[in-house]
Structure formats: C-alpha cells, structure tokens
Amino acid sequence: MNDQSTQRVTAITAVLQLAVLIVGVGGLFFAVGQREESLNGVQQEVSDLKGISADLVKAQILSTAKDGEHERVLRDILRRVERLEESN
C-alpha cells in the first residue's frame, strides 16, 4: 500500500467512525425522548386517577352524610309513630 491509499483508508475510517458516533448519539437521544414521552403519559394517567379517586371519596362522604340524615329522619318518624301508638 502506498501513502495515498493509507490516507484514503484513514479518511474513510474516520468518516465511518463519525457516522457511527452520530447514529449512536441520535439513537441515545431518541431512546431518552421515548422514555420521557412514556413518563409524561404515565404522569397524565396518574393525575387522572388522582382526580377520579378524589371524586369517589367525595361521593362516598356525601352518601354517608345522606345516610346519616335519612337515619335521623327515620328515627324521628319512628318516635312520632310510637308516640301516636301510645296515645291510642
């Protein structure tokens, strides 16, 4: 091999190394971007679930409060019926 052939091989090798480096770094950025997008999607789903859970807790609290109110009304009615029965 002469000096020019060696220089060509060296230049081609350098260009190929640069291309492989660029592809590797690009692949790394692509993988990080995909991971970041996936995390953002999961974060949005968790946020939605948090809202749903809060709504369910509110609904349960309201249901319990209404049950207590109904129980109070039923006890009042029962007391009034018992009073009517005693007077008859």
Protein backbone atom coordinates (compact mmCIF):
# COMPACT_ATOMS: atom_id res chain seq x y z
CA MET A 1 0.00 0.00 0.00
CA ASN A 2 1.22 3.41 -0.81
CA ASP A 3 0.89 6.61 1.17
CA GLN A 4 -2.23 7.81 -0.69
CA SER A 5 -4.05 4.52 -0.14
CA THR A 6 -3.27 4.67 3.55
CA GLN A 7 -4.56 8.24 3.75
CA ARG A 8 -7.79 7.23 1.93
CA VAL A 9 -8.35 4.30 4.24
CA THR A 10 -7.70 6.55 7.24
CA ALA A 11 -10.10 9.21 5.90
CA ILE A 12 -12.80 6.63 5.14
CA THR A 13 -12.34 5.07 8.58
CA ALA A 14 -12.63 8.49 10.23
CA VAL A 15 -15.80 9.29 8.27
CA LEU A 16 -17.31 5.91 9.17
CA GLN A 17 -16.41 6.40 12.84
CA LEU A 18 -18.04 9.83 12.79
CA ALA A 19 -21.17 8.39 11.13
CA VAL A 20 -21.40 5.60 13.72
CA LEU A 21 -20.91 8.14 16.53
CA ILE A 22 -23.66 10.38 15.12
CA VAL A 23 -26.04 7.43 14.74
CA GLY A 24 -25.24 6.26 18.28
CA VAL A 25 -25.83 9.68 19.82
CA GLY A 26 -29.01 10.10 17.76
CA GLY A 27 -30.24 6.72 18.96
CA LEU A 28 -29.50 7.71 22.53
CA PHE A 29 -31.49 10.94 22.19
CA PHE A 30 -34.32 9.01 20.55
CA ALA A 31 -34.40 6.48 23.40
CA VAL A 32 -34.38 9.23 26.01
CA GLY A 33 -37.17 11.04 24.14
CA GLN A 34 -39.29 7.89 24.03
CA ARG A 35 -38.74 7.31 27.74
CA GLU A 36 -39.64 10.91 28.53
CA GLU A 37 -42.83 10.67 26.44
CA SER A 38 -43.76 7.43 28.17
CA LEU A 39 -43.22 9.02 31.58
CA ASN A 40 -45.36 12.01 30.60
CA GLY A 41 -48.17 9.65 29.55
CA VAL A 42 -47.99 7.74 32.82
CA GLN A 43 -47.90 11.00 34.76
CA GLN A 44 -51.09 12.15 32.99
CA GLU A 45 -52.81 8.82 33.74
CA VAL A 46 -51.82 9.05 37.42
CA SER A 47 -53.16 12.59 37.54
CA ASP A 48 -56.46 11.40 36.04
CA LEU A 49 -56.66 8.56 38.56
CA LYS A 50 -55.98 11.02 41.37
CA GLY A 51 -58.94 13.12 40.22
CA ILE A 52 -61.17 10.06 39.95
CA SER A 53 -60.16 8.93 43.45
CA ALA A 54 -60.91 12.37 44.87
CA ASP A 55 -64.35 12.33 43.23
CA LEU A 56 -65.05 8.86 44.62
CA VAL A 57 -64.10 9.96 48.14
CA LYS A 58 -66.38 12.99 47.84
CA ALA A 59 -69.23 10.79 46.61
CA GLN A 60 -68.71 8.36 49.50
CA ILE A 61 -68.68 11.18 52.04
CA LEU A 62 -71.89 12.65 50.61
CA SER A 63 -73.51 9.21 50.57
CA THR A 64 -72.57 8.62 54.20
CA ALA A 65 -73.85 12.05 55.20
CA LYS A 66 -77.14 11.45 53.41
CA ASP A 67 -77.44 8.01 55.05
CA GLY A 68 -76.98 9.66 58.44
CA GLU A 69 -79.61 12.24 57.60
CA HIS A 70 -82.03 9.55 56.45
CA GLU A 71 -81.39 7.60 59.65
CA ARG A 72 -82.13 10.70 61.70
CA VAL A 73 -85.37 11.31 59.78
CA LEU A 74 -86.42 7.65 60.15
CA ARG A 75 -85.74 7.72 63.91
CA ASP A 76 -87.82 10.89 64.20
CA ILE A 77 -90.67 9.25 62.29
CA LEU A 78 -90.41 6.12 64.43
CA ARG A 79 -90.52 8.24 67.60
CA ARG A 80 -93.61 10.06 66.35
CA VAL A 81 -95.33 6.77 65.39
CA GLU A 82 -94.56 5.31 68.81
CA ARG A 83 -95.98 8.41 70.44
CA LEU A 84 -99.17 8.05 68.36
CA GLU A 85 -99.45 4.37 69.30
CA GLU A 86 -99.04 5.18 72.99
CA SER A 87 -101.76 7.78 72.87
CA ASN A 88 -104.24 5.34 71.30
